[in-house]
Amino acid sequence: MSGSDQQQDLALIKELELILDSCTLELTPVDEVWPELYIGNVAVAQNRKTLNKIGITHVLNAAHSKQGSVGNQSFYGTTCVYFGIPAEDSDSFDLSQYFRPAADFIHKALKSKEGKVLVHCIMGVSRSVTLVLAYLMLKQRLSLKDALRQIAQKRAIYPNQNFLSLLLKLDRRLTLRRRLCFLL
């Protein structure tokens, strides 16, 4: 990537961060950010009573195998389908390798009869949010900015700059693909 491309990316990330900074919501344990799609923290994910009350049928753990994040199919038994992603909330972790599997899991769950999905990490502000943004971009055909605005209306979120950069690359690829498909 050239120096000017990096500068352009930084400018775009700053623009995305302005959208995030415009959110005035308080961080809550769980929020519905799209019909039947929830983002929450680890405490909600580990509270079977709360999950049952909300009607959660599928759990995507974006902090699988991290300290303090219990999660596997045996923990949920037959009440929820579980999918774990061992993501690091860091400036070097490549979460994009999980964009498609996470989006497929969420999409299939929401298409199932009465499917409700909880996507969580530890706090529910970065890893889980990034995977939900990727879902909205890949399966609901939203642009990154539109997806960010959609979620920021419902939940206090703040994906790290690395994740925003990965989402920006995805947004460019999807935009290019849509333009090519439109031309063909």
N, C-alpha and C. Protein backbone atom coordinates (compact mmCIF):
# COMPACT_ATOMS: atom_id res chain seq x y z
N MET A 1 0.84 -1.18 0.00
CA MET A 1 0.00 0.00 0.00
C MET A 1 0.89 1.24 0.00
N SER A 2 0.57 2.18 -0.87
CA SER A 2 1.40 3.38 -0.98
C SER A 2 1.11 4.34 0.18
N GLY A 3 1.98 5.30 0.34
CA GLY A 3 1.81 6.29 1.39
C GLY A 3 0.51 7.07 1.27
N SER A 4 0.14 7.41 0.03
CA SER A 4 -1.11 8.17 -0.17
C SER A 4 -2.33 7.30 0.13
N ASP A 5 -2.25 5.98 -0.18
CA ASP A 5 -3.35 5.07 0.15
C ASP A 5 -3.51 4.97 1.67
N GLN A 6 -2.39 4.89 2.39
CA GLN A 6 -2.43 4.83 3.85
C GLN A 6 -3.03 6.10 4.43
N GLN A 7 -2.66 7.25 3.86
CA GLN A 7 -3.21 8.52 4.33
C GLN A 7 -4.71 8.57 4.07
N GLN A 8 -5.11 8.09 2.90
CA GLN A 8 -6.54 8.07 2.57
C GLN A 8 -7.29 7.16 3.54
N ASP A 9 -6.72 5.99 3.85
CA ASP A 9 -7.34 5.07 4.80
C ASP A 9 -7.48 5.70 6.17
N LEU A 10 -6.42 6.37 6.62
CA LEU A 10 -6.48 7.03 7.93
C LEU A 10 -7.56 8.10 7.96
N ALA A 11 -7.70 8.84 6.87
CA ALA A 11 -8.75 9.86 6.79
C ALA A 11 -10.13 9.22 6.85
N LEU A 12 -10.30 8.11 6.12
CA LEU A 12 -11.59 7.41 6.14
C LEU A 12 -11.89 6.82 7.52
N ILE A 13 -10.87 6.29 8.17
CA ILE A 13 -11.06 5.74 9.52
C ILE A 13 -11.45 6.86 10.48
N LYS A 14 -10.83 8.01 10.36
CA LYS A 14 -11.21 9.16 11.20
C LYS A 14 -12.67 9.54 10.95
N GLU A 15 -13.09 9.47 9.70
CA GLU A 15 -14.49 9.76 9.35
C GLU A 15 -15.43 8.75 10.02
N LEU A 16 -15.04 7.47 9.99
CA LEU A 16 -15.84 6.43 10.65
C LEU A 16 -15.88 6.65 12.16
N GLU A 17 -14.74 7.06 12.72
CA GLU A 17 -14.69 7.31 14.16
C GLU A 17 -15.58 8.49 14.55
N LEU A 18 -15.76 9.46 13.66
CA LEU A 18 -16.68 10.57 13.92
C LEU A 18 -18.12 10.06 14.03
N ILE A 19 -18.48 9.10 13.19
CA ILE A 19 -19.80 8.48 13.29
C ILE A 19 -19.94 7.80 14.65
N LEU A 20 -18.90 7.06 15.05
CA LEU A 20 -18.93 6.38 16.34
C LEU A 20 -19.00 7.37 17.49
N ASP A 21 -18.24 8.45 17.38
CA ASP A 21 -18.23 9.47 18.45
C ASP A 21 -19.56 10.19 18.58
N SER A 22 -20.37 10.18 17.53
CA SER A 22 -21.66 10.87 17.58
C SER A 22 -22.69 10.10 18.41
N CYS A 23 -22.40 8.85 18.73
CA CYS A 23 -23.32 8.03 19.53
C CYS A 23 -23.34 8.56 20.96
N THR A 24 -24.53 8.79 21.49
CA THR A 24 -24.67 9.31 22.86
C THR A 24 -25.25 8.26 23.81
N LEU A 25 -25.37 7.03 23.34
CA LEU A 25 -25.95 5.98 24.17
C LEU A 25 -24.99 5.52 25.26
N GLU A 26 -25.55 5.07 26.37
CA GLU A 26 -24.78 4.44 27.43
C GLU A 26 -24.60 2.98 27.06
N LEU A 27 -23.48 2.40 27.45
CA LEU A 27 -23.24 0.98 27.20
C LEU A 27 -24.13 0.15 28.13
N THR A 28 -24.90 -0.75 27.55
CA THR A 28 -25.78 -1.64 28.31
C THR A 28 -25.33 -3.08 28.09
N PRO A 29 -25.82 -4.02 28.90
CA PRO A 29 -25.39 -5.41 28.75
C PRO A 29 -25.75 -6.04 27.40
N VAL A 30 -26.91 -5.68 26.85
CA VAL A 30 -27.35 -6.28 25.58
C VAL A 30 -28.31 -5.34 24.87
N ASP A 31 -28.22 -5.30 23.54
CA ASP A 31 -29.12 -4.47 22.73
C ASP A 31 -29.46 -5.19 21.43
N GLU A 32 -30.71 -5.03 21.00
CA GLU A 32 -31.11 -5.53 19.69
C GLU A 32 -30.70 -4.46 18.67
N VAL A 33 -29.78 -4.83 17.75
CA VAL A 33 -29.23 -3.85 16.80
C VAL A 33 -29.79 -4.03 15.39
N TRP A 34 -30.46 -5.12 15.16
CA TRP A 34 -31.08 -5.46 13.88
C TRP A 34 -32.19 -6.43 14.26
N PRO A 35 -33.24 -6.56 13.49
CA PRO A 35 -34.30 -7.48 13.92
C PRO A 35 -33.78 -8.88 14.27
N GLU A 36 -34.02 -9.28 15.51
CA GLU A 36 -33.64 -10.59 16.06
C GLU A 36 -32.13 -10.79 16.21
N LEU A 37 -31.36 -9.71 16.09
CA LEU A 37 -29.89 -9.78 16.21
C LEU A 37 -29.44 -8.85 17.34
N TYR A 38 -28.77 -9.45 18.32
CA TYR A 38 -28.38 -8.74 19.53
C TYR A 38 -26.86 -8.73 19.67
N ILE A 39 -26.35 -7.64 20.25
CA ILE A 39 -24.95 -7.57 20.65
C ILE A 39 -24.95 -7.40 22.16
N GLY A 40 -24.08 -8.17 22.82
CA GLY A 40 -24.03 -8.08 24.26
C GLY A 40 -22.65 -8.38 24.81
N ASN A 41 -22.59 -8.38 26.14
CA ASN A 41 -21.32 -8.66 26.81
C ASN A 41 -21.29 -10.11 27.30
N VAL A 42 -20.19 -10.49 27.88
CA VAL A 42 -19.99 -11.87 28.31
C VAL A 42 -20.93 -12.25 29.45
N ALA A 43 -21.27 -11.30 30.31
CA ALA A 43 -22.17 -11.61 31.43
C ALA A 43 -23.54 -12.04 30.93
N VAL A 44 -24.05 -11.38 29.91
CA VAL A 44 -25.34 -11.77 29.32
C VAL A 44 -25.22 -13.16 28.70
N ALA A 45 -24.12 -13.38 27.98
CA ALA A 45 -23.93 -14.67 27.29
C ALA A 45 -23.85 -15.83 28.27
N GLN A 46 -23.42 -15.56 29.49
CA GLN A 46 -23.28 -16.63 30.48
C GLN A 46 -24.48 -16.73 31.42
N ASN A 47 -25.52 -15.94 31.15
CA ASN A 47 -26.72 -15.97 31.97
C ASN A 47 -27.85 -16.65 31.20
N ARG A 48 -28.01 -17.94 31.45
CA ARG A 48 -29.00 -18.72 30.69
C ARG A 48 -30.42 -18.18 30.88
N LYS A 49 -30.70 -17.67 32.06
CA LYS A 49 -32.05 -17.13 32.35
C LYS A 49 -32.34 -15.92 31.46
N THR A 50 -31.37 -15.02 31.34
CA THR A 50 -31.53 -13.83 30.48
C THR A 50 -31.66 -14.24 29.02
N LEU A 51 -30.82 -15.18 28.58
CA LEU A 51 -30.90 -15.65 27.18
C LEU A 51 -32.27 -16.23 26.89
N ASN A 52 -32.79 -17.01 27.82
CA ASN A 52 -34.10 -17.63 27.65
C ASN A 52 -35.19 -16.56 27.61
N LYS A 53 -35.09 -15.57 28.48
CA LYS A 53 -36.08 -14.48 28.53
C LYS A 53 -36.12 -13.72 27.20
N ILE A 54 -34.94 -13.44 26.63
CA ILE A 54 -34.86 -12.74 25.34
C ILE A 54 -35.31 -13.65 24.20
N GLY A 55 -35.09 -14.96 24.37
CA GLY A 55 -35.44 -15.92 23.32
C GLY A 55 -34.29 -16.26 22.40
N ILE A 56 -33.06 -16.08 22.89
CA ILE A 56 -31.87 -16.34 22.07
C ILE A 56 -31.79 -17.82 21.72
N THR A 57 -31.58 -18.10 20.43
CA THR A 57 -31.47 -19.48 19.95
C THR A 57 -30.05 -19.80 19.46
N HIS A 58 -29.26 -18.76 19.19
CA HIS A 58 -27.91 -18.92 18.65
C HIS A 58 -26.97 -17.92 19.33
N VAL A 59 -25.77 -18.40 19.68
CA VAL A 59 -24.77 -17.55 20.34
C VAL A 59 -23.48 -17.60 19.53
N LEU A 60 -23.01 -16.43 19.11
CA LEU A 60 -21.71 -16.32 18.46
C LEU A 60 -20.79 -15.60 19.45
N ASN A 61 -19.78 -16.31 19.91
CA ASN A 61 -18.82 -15.77 20.88
C ASN A 61 -17.57 -15.33 20.14
N ALA A 62 -17.35 -14.01 20.08
CA ALA A 62 -16.18 -13.46 19.40
C ALA A 62 -14.96 -13.40 20.31
N ALA A 63 -15.08 -13.97 21.51
CA ALA A 63 -13.95 -14.01 22.45
C ALA A 63 -13.76 -15.45 22.94
N HIS A 64 -14.03 -16.41 22.05
CA HIS A 64 -13.94 -17.82 22.40
C HIS A 64 -12.55 -18.15 22.93
N SER A 65 -12.51 -18.87 24.01
CA SER A 65 -11.28 -19.35 24.66
C SER A 65 -10.50 -18.24 25.37
N LYS A 66 -11.09 -17.06 25.52
CA LYS A 66 -10.43 -15.99 26.26
C LYS A 66 -10.78 -16.12 27.74
N GLN A 67 -9.89 -15.69 28.59
CA GLN A 67 -10.12 -15.76 30.03
C GLN A 67 -11.40 -14.99 30.38
N GLY A 68 -12.25 -15.62 31.14
CA GLY A 68 -13.51 -14.98 31.54
C GLY A 68 -14.63 -15.17 30.55
N SER A 69 -14.38 -15.86 29.46
CA SER A 69 -15.42 -16.06 28.44
C SER A 69 -15.73 -17.54 28.29
N VAL A 70 -16.67 -18.00 29.10
CA VAL A 70 -17.11 -19.39 29.01
C VAL A 70 -17.88 -19.54 27.71
N GLY A 71 -17.62 -20.60 27.01
CA GLY A 71 -18.40 -20.80 25.81
C GLY A 71 -18.03 -22.07 25.09
N ASN A 72 -19.00 -22.93 24.95
CA ASN A 72 -18.92 -24.10 24.10
C ASN A 72 -20.32 -24.68 24.02
N GLN A 73 -20.52 -25.61 23.14
CA GLN A 73 -21.86 -26.13 22.94
C GLN A 73 -22.40 -26.80 24.20
N SER A 74 -21.54 -27.48 24.96
CA SER A 74 -22.04 -28.18 26.16
C SER A 74 -22.55 -27.19 27.22
N PHE A 75 -21.98 -25.97 27.27
CA PHE A 75 -22.46 -24.96 28.21
C PHE A 75 -23.92 -24.60 27.90
N TYR A 76 -24.26 -24.51 26.61
CA TYR A 76 -25.60 -24.11 26.21
C TYR A 76 -26.55 -25.29 26.02
N GLY A 77 -26.01 -26.49 25.94
CA GLY A 77 -26.85 -27.67 25.78
C GLY A 77 -27.68 -27.59 24.51
N THR A 78 -28.95 -27.91 24.64
CA THR A 78 -29.84 -27.91 23.47
C THR A 78 -30.60 -26.60 23.33
N THR A 79 -30.36 -25.64 24.25
CA THR A 79 -31.14 -24.39 24.19
C THR A 79 -30.62 -23.41 23.14
N CYS A 80 -29.32 -23.45 22.85
CA CYS A 80 -28.73 -22.52 21.88
C CYS A 80 -27.69 -23.24 21.04
N VAL A 81 -27.60 -22.84 19.78
CA VAL A 81 -26.53 -23.31 18.91
C VAL A 81 -25.36 -22.36 19.13
N TYR A 82 -24.17 -22.92 19.35
CA TYR A 82 -23.00 -22.12 19.70
C TYR A 82 -21.97 -22.12 18.58
N PHE A 83 -21.35 -20.95 18.38
CA PHE A 83 -20.23 -20.82 17.44
C PHE A 83 -19.20 -19.91 18.09
N GLY A 84 -17.98 -20.40 18.24
CA GLY A 84 -16.94 -19.62 18.89
C GLY A 84 -15.83 -19.21 17.95
N ILE A 85 -15.42 -17.95 18.06
CA ILE A 85 -14.32 -17.40 17.27
C ILE A 85 -13.27 -16.87 18.25
N PRO A 86 -12.04 -17.40 18.18
CA PRO A 86 -11.00 -17.01 19.13
C PRO A 86 -10.30 -15.71 18.73
N ALA A 87 -11.02 -14.60 18.76
CA ALA A 87 -10.48 -13.32 18.30
C ALA A 87 -9.77 -12.56 19.42
N GLU A 88 -8.74 -11.84 19.01
CA GLU A 88 -8.02 -10.93 19.90
C GLU A 88 -8.47 -9.51 19.58
N ASP A 89 -8.71 -8.72 20.60
CA ASP A 89 -9.05 -7.31 20.38
C ASP A 89 -7.75 -6.53 20.36
N SER A 90 -7.05 -6.61 19.23
CA SER A 90 -5.72 -5.99 19.15
C SER A 90 -5.55 -5.29 17.81
N ASP A 91 -4.46 -4.55 17.71
CA ASP A 91 -4.20 -3.82 16.46
C ASP A 91 -3.48 -4.68 15.43
N SER A 92 -3.32 -5.96 15.72
CA SER A 92 -2.65 -6.83 14.75
C SER A 92 -3.46 -8.08 14.39
N PHE A 93 -4.57 -8.33 15.09
CA PHE A 93 -5.33 -9.55 14.82
C PHE A 93 -6.15 -9.41 13.54
N ASP A 94 -6.08 -10.42 12.67
CA ASP A 94 -6.82 -10.40 11.40
C ASP A 94 -8.20 -11.04 11.59
N LEU A 95 -9.14 -10.23 12.03
CA LEU A 95 -10.51 -10.72 12.24
C LEU A 95 -11.23 -10.99 10.92
N SER A 96 -10.71 -10.44 9.82
CA SER A 96 -11.39 -10.60 8.53
C SER A 96 -11.49 -12.06 8.09
N GLN A 97 -10.60 -12.92 8.58
CA GLN A 97 -10.69 -14.34 8.25
C GLN A 97 -11.99 -14.96 8.76
N TYR A 98 -12.63 -14.30 9.71
CA TYR A 98 -13.88 -14.82 10.28
C TYR A 98 -15.12 -14.07 9.81
N PHE A 99 -14.96 -13.06 8.95
CA PHE A 99 -16.12 -12.29 8.49
C PHE A 99 -17.16 -13.19 7.83
N ARG A 100 -16.73 -13.99 6.86
CA ARG A 100 -17.67 -14.82 6.11
C ARG A 100 -18.29 -15.92 7.00
N PRO A 101 -17.50 -16.70 7.77
CA PRO A 101 -18.12 -17.72 8.63
C PRO A 101 -19.11 -17.13 9.65
N ALA A 102 -18.76 -15.99 10.22
CA ALA A 102 -19.66 -15.35 11.18
C ALA A 102 -20.94 -14.87 10.50
N ALA A 103 -20.80 -14.23 9.34
CA ALA A 103 -21.97 -13.75 8.60
C ALA A 103 -22.87 -14.92 8.18
N ASP A 104 -22.26 -16.01 7.75
CA ASP A 104 -23.04 -17.20 7.37
C ASP A 104 -23.80 -17.77 8.57
N PHE A 105 -23.13 -17.84 9.73
CA PHE A 105 -23.77 -18.36 10.94
C PHE A 105 -24.97 -17.49 11.34
N ILE A 106 -24.76 -16.17 11.37
CA ILE A 106 -25.83 -15.24 11.74
C ILE A 106 -26.98 -15.35 10.75
N HIS A 107 -26.65 -15.33 9.46
CA HIS A 107 -27.67 -15.36 8.41
C HIS A 107 -28.53 -16.63 8.49
N LYS A 108 -27.85 -17.76 8.62
CA LYS A 108 -28.57 -19.04 8.72
C LYS A 108 -29.46 -19.07 9.96
N ALA A 109 -28.94 -18.56 11.08
CA ALA A 109 -29.71 -18.53 12.32
C ALA A 109 -30.96 -17.65 12.18
N LEU A 110 -30.79 -16.47 11.58
CA LEU A 110 -31.93 -15.56 11.45
C LEU A 110 -32.96 -16.08 10.45
N LYS A 111 -32.54 -16.90 9.51
CA LYS A 111 -33.48 -17.49 8.56
C LYS A 111 -34.23 -18.68 9.15
N SER A 112 -33.68 -19.25 10.22
CA SER A 112 -34.34 -20.40 10.84
C SER A 112 -35.59 -19.93 11.59
N LYS A 113 -36.50 -20.85 11.81
CA LYS A 113 -37.76 -20.53 12.48
C LYS A 113 -37.49 -19.96 13.87
N GLU A 114 -37.96 -18.74 14.09
CA GLU A 114 -37.84 -18.06 15.37
C GLU A 114 -36.40 -17.91 15.86
N GLY A 115 -35.45 -17.79 14.93
CA GLY A 115 -34.05 -17.64 15.30
C GLY A 115 -33.76 -16.24 15.84
N LYS A 116 -33.05 -16.21 16.96
CA LYS A 116 -32.57 -14.96 17.56
C LYS A 116 -31.11 -15.18 17.92
N VAL A 117 -30.26 -14.23 17.53
CA VAL A 117 -28.82 -14.41 17.68
C VAL A 117 -28.26 -13.37 18.65
N LEU A 118 -27.41 -13.86 19.57
CA LEU A 118 -26.60 -12.99 20.40
C LEU A 118 -25.16 -13.11 19.92
N VAL A 119 -24.57 -11.98 19.55
CA VAL A 119 -23.14 -11.93 19.22
C VAL A 119 -22.49 -11.19 20.38
N HIS A 120 -21.47 -11.81 20.98
CA HIS A 120 -20.84 -11.17 22.13
C HIS A 120 -19.34 -11.36 22.10
N CYS A 121 -18.66 -10.52 22.88
CA CYS A 121 -17.25 -10.70 23.19
C CYS A 121 -17.17 -10.45 24.69
N ILE A 122 -16.19 -9.75 25.17
CA ILE A 122 -16.15 -9.48 26.61
C ILE A 122 -17.05 -8.29 26.96
N MET A 123 -16.84 -7.16 26.28
CA MET A 123 -17.63 -5.95 26.56
C MET A 123 -18.78 -5.73 25.57
N GLY A 124 -18.64 -6.28 24.36
CA GLY A 124 -19.65 -6.06 23.34
C GLY A 124 -19.51 -4.72 22.64
N VAL A 125 -18.27 -4.27 22.43
CA VAL A 125 -18.07 -2.98 21.75
C VAL A 125 -17.14 -3.06 20.54
N SER A 126 -16.30 -4.08 20.43
CA SER A 126 -15.30 -4.11 19.35
C SER A 126 -15.39 -5.38 18.51
N ARG A 127 -14.95 -6.52 19.04
CA ARG A 127 -14.93 -7.76 18.25
C ARG A 127 -16.33 -8.15 17.77
N SER A 128 -17.27 -8.23 18.69
CA SER A 128 -18.64 -8.64 18.33
C SER A 128 -19.26 -7.66 17.35
N VAL A 129 -19.05 -6.38 17.60
CA VAL A 129 -19.59 -5.34 16.72
C VAL A 129 -19.02 -5.47 15.32
N THR A 130 -17.73 -5.73 15.22
CA THR A 130 -17.08 -5.87 13.92
C THR A 130 -17.69 -7.02 13.13
N LEU A 131 -17.96 -8.13 13.79
CA LEU A 131 -18.57 -9.27 13.10
C LEU A 131 -20.00 -8.97 12.68
N VAL A 132 -20.74 -8.23 13.48
CA VAL A 132 -22.11 -7.84 13.10
C VAL A 132 -22.06 -6.86 11.93
N LEU A 133 -21.12 -5.93 11.95
CA LEU A 133 -20.96 -5.01 10.82
C LEU A 133 -20.67 -5.79 9.53
N ALA A 134 -19.78 -6.77 9.62
CA ALA A 134 -19.45 -7.59 8.45
C ALA A 134 -20.70 -8.32 7.96
N TYR A 135 -21.51 -8.84 8.87
CA TYR A 135 -22.77 -9.50 8.49
C TYR A 135 -23.67 -8.52 7.73
N LEU A 136 -23.85 -7.32 8.27
CA LEU A 136 -24.72 -6.34 7.61
C LEU A 136 -24.21 -5.97 6.23
N MET A 137 -22.90 -5.94 6.09
CA MET A 137 -22.30 -5.61 4.79
C MET A 137 -22.42 -6.77 3.81
N LEU A 138 -22.12 -7.98 4.28
CA LEU A 138 -22.10 -9.15 3.39
C LEU A 138 -23.49 -9.67 3.05
N LYS A 139 -24.38 -9.71 4.03
CA LYS A 139 -25.68 -10.35 3.82
C LYS A 139 -26.84 -9.38 3.63
N GLN A 140 -26.72 -8.16 4.19
CA GLN A 140 -27.80 -7.18 4.06
C GLN A 140 -27.44 -6.07 3.07
N ARG A 141 -26.23 -6.16 2.50
CA ARG A 141 -25.76 -5.25 1.45
C ARG A 141 -25.69 -3.78 1.89
N LEU A 142 -25.42 -3.54 3.17
CA LEU A 142 -25.24 -2.19 3.66
C LEU A 142 -23.79 -1.77 3.43
N SER A 143 -23.59 -0.49 3.20
CA SER A 143 -22.22 0.03 3.16
C SER A 143 -21.70 0.06 4.59
N LEU A 144 -20.40 0.19 4.74
CA LEU A 144 -19.83 0.25 6.08
C LEU A 144 -20.41 1.43 6.86
N LYS A 145 -20.48 2.60 6.24
CA LYS A 145 -21.02 3.77 6.94
C LYS A 145 -22.47 3.56 7.36
N ASP A 146 -23.28 2.99 6.47
CA ASP A 146 -24.69 2.74 6.81
C ASP A 146 -24.82 1.71 7.93
N ALA A 147 -23.98 0.67 7.88
CA ALA A 147 -24.01 -0.35 8.92
C ALA A 147 -23.59 0.25 10.27
N LEU A 148 -22.54 1.08 10.26
CA LEU A 148 -22.11 1.75 11.49
C LEU A 148 -23.22 2.62 12.06
N ARG A 149 -23.84 3.40 11.20
CA ARG A 149 -24.93 4.28 11.66
C ARG A 149 -26.08 3.45 12.24
N GLN A 150 -26.40 2.36 11.57
CA GLN A 150 -27.49 1.48 12.02
C GLN A 150 -27.23 0.98 13.44
N ILE A 151 -26.04 0.46 13.68
CA ILE A 151 -25.74 -0.11 14.99
C ILE A 151 -25.56 0.99 16.04
N ALA A 152 -24.92 2.09 15.67
CA ALA A 152 -24.68 3.18 16.62
C ALA A 152 -25.98 3.83 17.10
N GLN A 153 -27.06 3.65 16.37
CA GLN A 153 -28.37 4.15 16.82
C GLN A 153 -28.93 3.28 17.94
N LYS A 154 -28.43 2.05 18.05
CA LYS A 154 -29.00 1.08 18.98
C LYS A 154 -28.08 0.73 20.15
N ARG A 155 -26.76 0.92 19.96
CA ARG A 155 -25.79 0.47 20.97
C ARG A 155 -24.54 1.34 20.95
N ALA A 156 -23.96 1.54 22.13
CA ALA A 156 -22.67 2.22 22.23
C ALA A 156 -21.60 1.24 21.73
N ILE A 157 -20.90 1.61 20.66
CA ILE A 157 -19.93 0.70 20.04
C ILE A 157 -18.62 1.43 19.78
N TYR A 158 -17.54 0.66 19.69
CA TYR A 158 -16.26 1.26 19.31
C TYR A 158 -15.26 0.20 18.85
N PRO A 159 -15.40 -0.27 17.60
CA PRO A 159 -14.40 -1.20 17.06
C PRO A 159 -13.03 -0.53 17.02
N ASN A 160 -11.97 -1.29 17.27
CA ASN A 160 -10.64 -0.69 17.23
C ASN A 160 -10.26 -0.31 15.79
N GLN A 161 -9.21 0.49 15.65
CA GLN A 161 -8.81 1.00 14.32
C GLN A 161 -8.43 -0.12 13.36
N ASN A 162 -7.80 -1.15 13.87
CA ASN A 162 -7.46 -2.29 13.03
C ASN A 162 -8.71 -2.91 12.43
N PHE A 163 -9.74 -3.12 13.25
CA PHE A 163 -10.98 -3.71 12.76
C PHE A 163 -11.68 -2.79 11.78
N LEU A 164 -11.64 -1.48 12.05
CA LEU A 164 -12.24 -0.53 11.10
C LEU A 164 -11.51 -0.59 9.76
N SER A 165 -10.20 -0.75 9.80
CA SER A 165 -9.41 -0.86 8.57
C SER A 165 -9.78 -2.13 7.80
N LEU A 166 -9.96 -3.24 8.50
CA LEU A 166 -10.37 -4.50 7.84
C LEU A 166 -11.77 -4.37 7.23
N LEU A 167 -12.66 -3.69 7.94
CA LEU A 167 -14.01 -3.47 7.42
C LEU A 167 -13.99 -2.54 6.22
N LEU A 168 -13.09 -1.57 6.23
CA LEU A 168 -12.93 -0.66 5.10
C LEU A 168 -12.50 -1.43 3.85
N LYS A 169 -11.58 -2.37 4.01
CA LYS A 169 -11.15 -3.21 2.88
C LYS A 169 -12.32 -4.05 2.37
N LEU A 170 -13.09 -4.61 3.28
CA LEU A 170 -14.27 -5.39 2.87
C LEU A 170 -15.25 -4.49 2.12
N ASP A 171 -15.48 -3.29 2.63
CA ASP A 171 -16.40 -2.35 1.99
C ASP A 171 -15.96 -2.03 0.57
N ARG A 172 -14.65 -1.83 0.38
CA ARG A 172 -14.13 -1.55 -0.97
C ARG A 172 -14.35 -2.73 -1.91
N ARG A 173 -14.06 -3.95 -1.42
CA ARG A 173 -14.24 -5.14 -2.26
C ARG A 173 -15.70 -5.33 -2.65
N LEU A 174 -16.60 -5.15 -1.68
CA LEU A 174 -18.03 -5.32 -1.96
C LEU A 174 -18.54 -4.25 -2.92
N THR A 175 -18.08 -3.02 -2.74
CA THR A 175 -18.48 -1.92 -3.64
C THR A 175 -18.00 -2.20 -5.05
N LEU A 176 -16.76 -2.63 -5.19
CA LEU A 176 -16.20 -2.96 -6.51
C LEU A 176 -16.98 -4.11 -7.15
N ARG A 177 -17.26 -5.14 -6.37
CA ARG A 177 -18.00 -6.30 -6.89
C ARG A 177 -19.39 -5.89 -7.36
N ARG A 178 -20.06 -5.03 -6.59
CA ARG A 178 -21.40 -4.58 -6.98
C ARG A 178 -21.36 -3.77 -8.26
N ARG A 179 -20.32 -2.93 -8.40
CA ARG A 179 -20.18 -2.15 -9.63
C ARG A 179 -19.93 -3.05 -10.83
N LEU A 180 -19.06 -4.05 -10.64
CA LEU A 180 -18.77 -4.99 -11.74
C LEU A 180 -20.01 -5.78 -12.11
N CYS A 181 -20.75 -6.24 -11.12
CA CYS A 181 -21.96 -7.02 -11.40
C CYS A 181 -23.00 -6.17 -12.11
N PHE A 182 -23.07 -4.87 -11.73
CA PHE A 182 -24.01 -3.96 -12.36
C PHE A 182 -23.66 -3.75 -13.83
N LEU A 183 -22.36 -3.73 -14.13
CA LEU A 183 -21.90 -3.50 -15.49
C LEU A 183 -22.11 -4.72 -16.38
N LEU A 184 -22.09 -5.90 -15.78
CA LEU A 184 -22.19 -7.13 -16.57
C LEU A 184 -23.60 -7.46 -16.97
